[in-house]
PDB file of N, CA and C in Angstrom:
ATOM      1  N   MET A   1       0.840  -1.157   0.000  1.00  0.00           N
ATOM      2  CA  MET A   1       0.000   0.000   0.000  1.00  0.00           C
ATOM      3  C   MET A   1       0.897   1.235   0.000  1.00  0.00           C
ATOM      4  N   GLN A   2       0.481   2.254  -0.758  1.00  0.00           N
ATOM      5  CA  GLN A   2       1.239   3.503  -0.793  1.00  0.00           C
ATOM      6  C   GLN A   2       0.356   4.661  -0.368  1.00  0.00           C
ATOM      7  N   LYS A   3       1.013   5.715   0.091  1.00  0.00           N
ATOM      8  CA  LYS A   3       0.321   6.908   0.550  1.00  0.00           C
ATOM      9  C   LYS A   3       1.159   8.106   0.157  1.00  0.00           C
ATOM     10  N   ALA A   4       0.514   9.182  -0.269  1.00  0.00           N
ATOM     11  CA  ALA A   4       1.203  10.433  -0.578  1.00  0.00           C
ATOM     12  C   ALA A   4       0.924  11.431   0.534  1.00  0.00           C
ATOM     13  N   ILE A   5       1.938  12.173   0.912  1.00  0.00           N
ATOM     14  CA  ILE A   5       1.781  13.225   1.919  1.00  0.00           C
ATOM     15  C   ILE A   5       2.557  14.449   1.452  1.00  0.00           C
ATOM     16  N   VAL A   6       1.916  15.605   1.565  1.00  0.00           N
ATOM     17  CA  VAL A   6       2.597  16.862   1.255  1.00  0.00           C
ATOM     18  C   VAL A   6       3.122  17.410   2.576  1.00  0.00           C
ATOM     19  N   ILE A   7       4.417  17.483   2.665  1.00  0.00           N
ATOM     20  CA  ILE A   7       5.079  17.988   3.862  1.00  0.00           C
ATOM     21  C   ILE A   7       5.245  19.495   3.689  1.00  0.00           C
ATOM     22  N   HIS A   8       4.894  20.226   4.732  1.00  0.00           N
ATOM     23  CA  HIS A   8       5.087  21.681   4.671  1.00  0.00           C
ATOM     24  C   HIS A   8       5.877  22.134   5.888  1.00  0.00           C
ATOM     25  N   TYR A   9       6.729  23.108   5.659  1.00  0.00           N
ATOM     26  CA  TYR A   9       7.567  23.642   6.737  1.00  0.00           C
ATOM     27  C   TYR A   9       7.709  25.148   6.559  1.00  0.00           C
ATOM     28  N   PHE A  10       7.210  25.894   7.535  1.00  0.00           N
ATOM     29  CA  PHE A  10       7.387  27.344   7.549  1.00  0.00           C
ATOM     30  C   PHE A  10       8.395  27.720   8.635  1.00  0.00           C
ATOM     31  N   ASN A  11       8.188  27.154   9.827  1.00  0.00           N
ATOM     32  CA  ASN A  11       9.132  27.343  10.928  1.00  0.00           C
ATOM     33  C   ASN A  11       8.930  26.186  11.910  1.00  0.00           C
ATOM     34  N   GLU A  12       9.595  26.249  13.056  1.00  0.00           N
ATOM     35  CA  GLU A  12       9.527  25.133  13.999  1.00  0.00           C
ATOM     36  C   GLU A  12       8.126  24.894  14.551  1.00  0.00           C
ATOM     37  N   LYS A  13       7.278  25.899  14.555  1.00  0.00           N
ATOM     38  CA  LYS A  13       5.920  25.754  15.077  1.00  0.00           C
ATOM     39  C   LYS A  13       4.886  25.513  13.979  1.00  0.00           C
ATOM     40  N   LYS A  14       5.158  25.933  12.774  1.00  0.00           N
ATOM     41  CA  LYS A  14       4.203  25.791  11.669  1.00  0.00           C
ATOM     42  C   LYS A  14       4.739  24.802  10.643  1.00  0.00           C
ATOM     43  N   ASN A  15       4.476  23.510  10.903  1.00  0.00           N
ATOM     44  CA  ASN A  15       4.888  22.454   9.992  1.00  0.00           C
ATOM     45  C   ASN A  15       4.089  21.203  10.323  1.00  0.00           C
ATOM     46  N   ASN A  16       4.203  20.186   9.500  1.00  0.00           N
ATOM     47  CA  ASN A  16       3.520  18.919   9.785  1.00  0.00           C
ATOM     48  C   ASN A  16       4.519  17.761   9.910  1.00  0.00           C
ATOM     49  N   LEU A  17       5.690  18.057  10.428  1.00  0.00           N
ATOM     50  CA  LEU A  17       6.702  17.018  10.600  1.00  0.00           C
ATOM     51  C   LEU A  17       6.278  15.973  11.630  1.00  0.00           C
ATOM     52  N   ALA A  18       5.468  16.357  12.615  1.00  0.00           N
ATOM     53  CA  ALA A  18       4.981  15.390  13.607  1.00  0.00           C
ATOM     54  C   ALA A  18       4.115  14.323  12.930  1.00  0.00           C
ATOM     55  N   GLU A  19       3.323  14.733  11.946  1.00  0.00           N
ATOM     56  CA  GLU A  19       2.498  13.771  11.196  1.00  0.00           C
ATOM     57  C   GLU A  19       3.378  12.785  10.433  1.00  0.00           C
ATOM     58  N   LEU A  20       4.400  13.292   9.762  1.00  0.00           N
ATOM     59  CA  LEU A  20       5.325  12.428   9.030  1.00  0.00           C
ATOM     60  C   LEU A  20       6.057  11.491   9.985  1.00  0.00           C
ATOM     61  N   ASN A  21       6.538  12.014  11.094  1.00  0.00           N
ATOM     62  CA  ASN A  21       7.254  11.182  12.066  1.00  0.00           C
ATOM     63  C   ASN A  21       6.360  10.087  12.632  1.00  0.00           C
ATOM     64  N   GLN A  22       5.077  10.383  12.849  1.00  0.00           N
ATOM     65  CA  GLN A  22       4.155   9.368  13.357  1.00  0.00           C
ATOM     66  C   GLN A  22       3.961   8.253  12.330  1.00  0.00           C
ATOM     67  N   LEU A  23       3.821   8.618  11.064  1.00  0.00           N
ATOM     68  CA  LEU A  23       3.684   7.611  10.012  1.00  0.00           C
ATOM     69  C   LEU A  23       4.922   6.721   9.953  1.00  0.00           C
ATOM     70  N   LEU A  24       6.099   7.310  10.079  1.00  0.00           N
ATOM     71  CA  LEU A  24       7.338   6.531  10.054  1.00  0.00           C
ATOM     72  C   LEU A  24       7.410   5.591  11.255  1.00  0.00           C
ATOM     73  N   GLN A  25       6.967   6.053  12.406  1.00  0.00           N
ATOM     74  CA  GLN A  25       6.944   5.199  13.589  1.00  0.00           C
ATOM     75  C   GLN A  25       5.947   4.058  13.439  1.00  0.00           C
ATOM     76  N   ASP A  26       4.891   4.291  12.665  1.00  0.00           N
ATOM     77  CA  ASP A  26       3.864   3.272  12.436  1.00  0.00           C
ATOM     78  C   ASP A  26       4.263   2.257  11.364  1.00  0.00           C
ATOM     79  N   GLY A  27       5.488   2.362  10.855  1.00  0.00           N
ATOM     80  CA  GLY A  27       5.991   1.370   9.919  1.00  0.00           C
ATOM     81  C   GLY A  27       6.010   1.786   8.457  1.00  0.00           C
ATOM     82  N   TRP A  28       5.593   3.012   8.146  1.00  0.00           N
ATOM     83  CA  TRP A  28       5.664   3.504   6.774  1.00  0.00           C
ATOM     84  C   TRP A  28       7.111   3.844   6.440  1.00  0.00           C
ATOM     85  N   LYS A  29       7.490   3.669   5.187  1.00  0.00           N
ATOM     86  CA  LYS A  29       8.846   3.987   4.713  1.00  0.00           C
ATOM     87  C   LYS A  29       8.727   4.945   3.533  1.00  0.00           C
ATOM     88  N   VAL A  30       9.656   5.898   3.462  1.00  0.00           N
ATOM     89  CA  VAL A  30       9.684   6.845   2.337  1.00  0.00           C
ATOM     90  C   VAL A  30      10.288   6.131   1.133  1.00  0.00           C
ATOM     91  N   VAL A  31       9.542   6.105   0.006  1.00  0.00           N
ATOM     92  CA  VAL A  31      10.071   5.496  -1.218  1.00  0.00           C
ATOM     93  C   VAL A  31      10.481   6.548  -2.246  1.00  0.00           C
ATOM     94  N   SER A  32       9.931   7.760  -2.126  1.00  0.00           N
ATOM     95  CA  SER A  32      10.395   8.861  -2.967  1.00  0.00           C
ATOM     96  C   SER A  32       9.992  10.180  -2.342  1.00  0.00           C
ATOM     97  N   GLN A  33      10.732  11.212  -2.717  1.00  0.00           N
ATOM     98  CA  GLN A  33      10.485  12.550  -2.191  1.00  0.00           C
ATOM     99  C   GLN A  33      10.844  13.538  -3.276  1.00  0.00           C
ATOM    100  N   ASN A  34       9.980  14.523  -3.502  1.00  0.00           N
ATOM    101  CA  ASN A  34      10.233  15.536  -4.520  1.00  0.00           C
ATOM    102  C   ASN A  34       9.853  16.908  -3.995  1.00  0.00           C
ATOM    103  N   PRO A  35      10.736  17.892  -4.147  1.00  0.00           N
ATOM    104  CA  PRO A  35      10.377  19.250  -3.737  1.00  0.00           C
ATOM    105  C   PRO A  35       9.268  19.792  -4.631  1.00  0.00           C
ATOM    106  N   MET A  36       8.371  20.558  -4.032  1.00  0.00           N
ATOM    107  CA  MET A  36       7.280  21.165  -4.790  1.00  0.00           C
ATOM    108  C   MET A  36       7.447  22.670  -4.898  1.00  0.00           C
ATOM    109  N   SER A  37       8.329  23.222  -4.106  1.00  0.00           N
ATOM    110  CA  SER A  37       8.566  24.661  -4.141  1.00  0.00           C
ATOM    111  C   SER A  37       9.954  24.935  -3.595  1.00  0.00           C
ATOM    112  N   CYS A  38      10.447  26.096  -3.949  1.00  0.00           N
ATOM    113  CA  CYS A  38      11.685  26.528  -3.323  1.00  0.00           C
ATOM    114  C   CYS A  38      11.391  27.882  -2.707  1.00  0.00           C
ATOM    115  N   SER A  39      11.856  28.078  -1.523  1.00  0.00           N
ATOM    116  CA  SER A  39      11.491  29.265  -0.764  1.00  0.00           C
ATOM    117  C   SER A  39      12.719  30.129  -0.529  1.00  0.00           C
ATOM    118  N   GLU A  40      13.015  30.958  -1.473  1.00  0.00           N
ATOM    119  CA  GLU A  40      14.163  31.840  -1.332  1.00  0.00           C
ATOM    120  C   GLU A  40      13.824  33.062  -0.487  1.00  0.00           C
ATOM    121  N   SER A  41      12.531  33.392  -0.362  1.00  0.00           N
ATOM    122  CA  SER A  41      12.144  34.600   0.367  1.00  0.00           C
ATOM    123  C   SER A  41      11.661  34.301   1.776  1.00  0.00           C
ATOM    124  N   GLY A  42      11.881  33.095   2.279  1.00  0.00           N
ATOM    125  CA  GLY A  42      11.516  32.775   3.647  1.00  0.00           C
ATOM    126  C   GLY A  42      10.106  32.260   3.826  1.00  0.00           C
ATOM    127  N   GLY A  43       9.428  31.863   2.764  1.00  0.00           N
ATOM    128  CA  GLY A  43       8.070  31.344   2.868  1.00  0.00           C
ATOM    129  C   GLY A  43       8.056  29.868   3.188  1.00  0.00           C
ATOM    130  N   THR A  44       6.876  29.287   3.112  1.00  0.00           N
ATOM    131  CA  THR A  44       6.705  27.868   3.398  1.00  0.00           C
ATOM    132  C   THR A  44       7.314  27.014   2.298  1.00  0.00           C
ATOM    133  N   VAL A  45       7.979  25.946   2.699  1.00  0.00           N
ATOM    134  CA  VAL A  45       8.569  24.985   1.773  1.00  0.00           C
ATOM    135  C   VAL A  45       7.660  23.762   1.733  1.00  0.00           C
ATOM    136  N   TYR A  46       7.385  23.256   0.530  1.00  0.00           N
ATOM    137  CA  TYR A  46       6.528  22.079   0.360  1.00  0.00           C
ATOM    138  C   TYR A  46       7.316  20.969  -0.322  1.00  0.00           C
ATOM    139  N   SER A  47       6.997  19.746   0.060  1.00  0.00           N
ATOM    140  CA  SER A  47       7.648  18.576  -0.530  1.00  0.00           C
ATOM    141  C   SER A  47       6.640  17.432  -0.579  1.00  0.00           C
ATOM    142  N   LEU A  48       6.624  16.716  -1.689  1.00  0.00           N
ATOM    143  CA  LEU A  48       5.740  15.565  -1.841  1.00  0.00           C
ATOM    144  C   LEU A  48       6.521  14.311  -1.505  1.00  0.00           C
ATOM    145  N   ALA A  49       6.017  13.536  -0.537  1.00  0.00           N
ATOM    146  CA  ALA A  49       6.661  12.282  -0.153  1.00  0.00           C
ATOM    147  C   ALA A  49       5.692  11.134  -0.430  1.00  0.00           C
ATOM    148  N   ILE A  50       6.209  10.081  -1.051  1.00  0.00           N
ATOM    149  CA  ILE A  50       5.447   8.863  -1.255  1.00  0.00           C
ATOM    150  C   ILE A  50       5.926   7.861  -0.233  1.00  0.00           C
ATOM    151  N   LEU A  51       4.997   7.359   0.561  1.00  0.00           N
ATOM    152  CA  LEU A  51       5.297   6.395   1.617  1.00  0.00           C
ATOM    153  C   LEU A  51       4.732   5.042   1.236  1.00  0.00           C
ATOM    154  N   GLU A  52       5.336   3.996   1.769  1.00  0.00           N
ATOM    155  CA  GLU A  52       4.887   2.637   1.462  1.00  0.00           C
ATOM    156  C   GLU A  52       4.903   1.820   2.742  1.00  0.00           C
ATOM    157  N   LYS A  53       3.893   0.961   2.860  1.00  0.00           N
ATOM    158  CA  LYS A  53       3.809   0.048   4.004  1.00  0.00           C
ATOM    159  C   LYS A  53       3.310  -1.287   3.494  1.00  0.00           C
ATOM    160  N   ASN A  54       3.986  -2.363   3.906  1.00  0.00           N
ATOM    161  CA  ASN A  54       3.591  -3.703   3.476  1.00  0.00           C
ATOM    162  C   ASN A  54       2.485  -4.250   4.330  1.00  0.00           C
TER     163      ASN A  54
END
């Protein structure tokens, strides 16, 4: 089974890294990751991660 998650990071308080970390703890593995934006002006950074779990 695969799952896609859009990871966003603005700063230490505004991000969804806890959601990603929970999925990894639950046995999901990252099979690919692609940046969706580049933030040269200090805005939110987005990345698409494909996770897989057997």
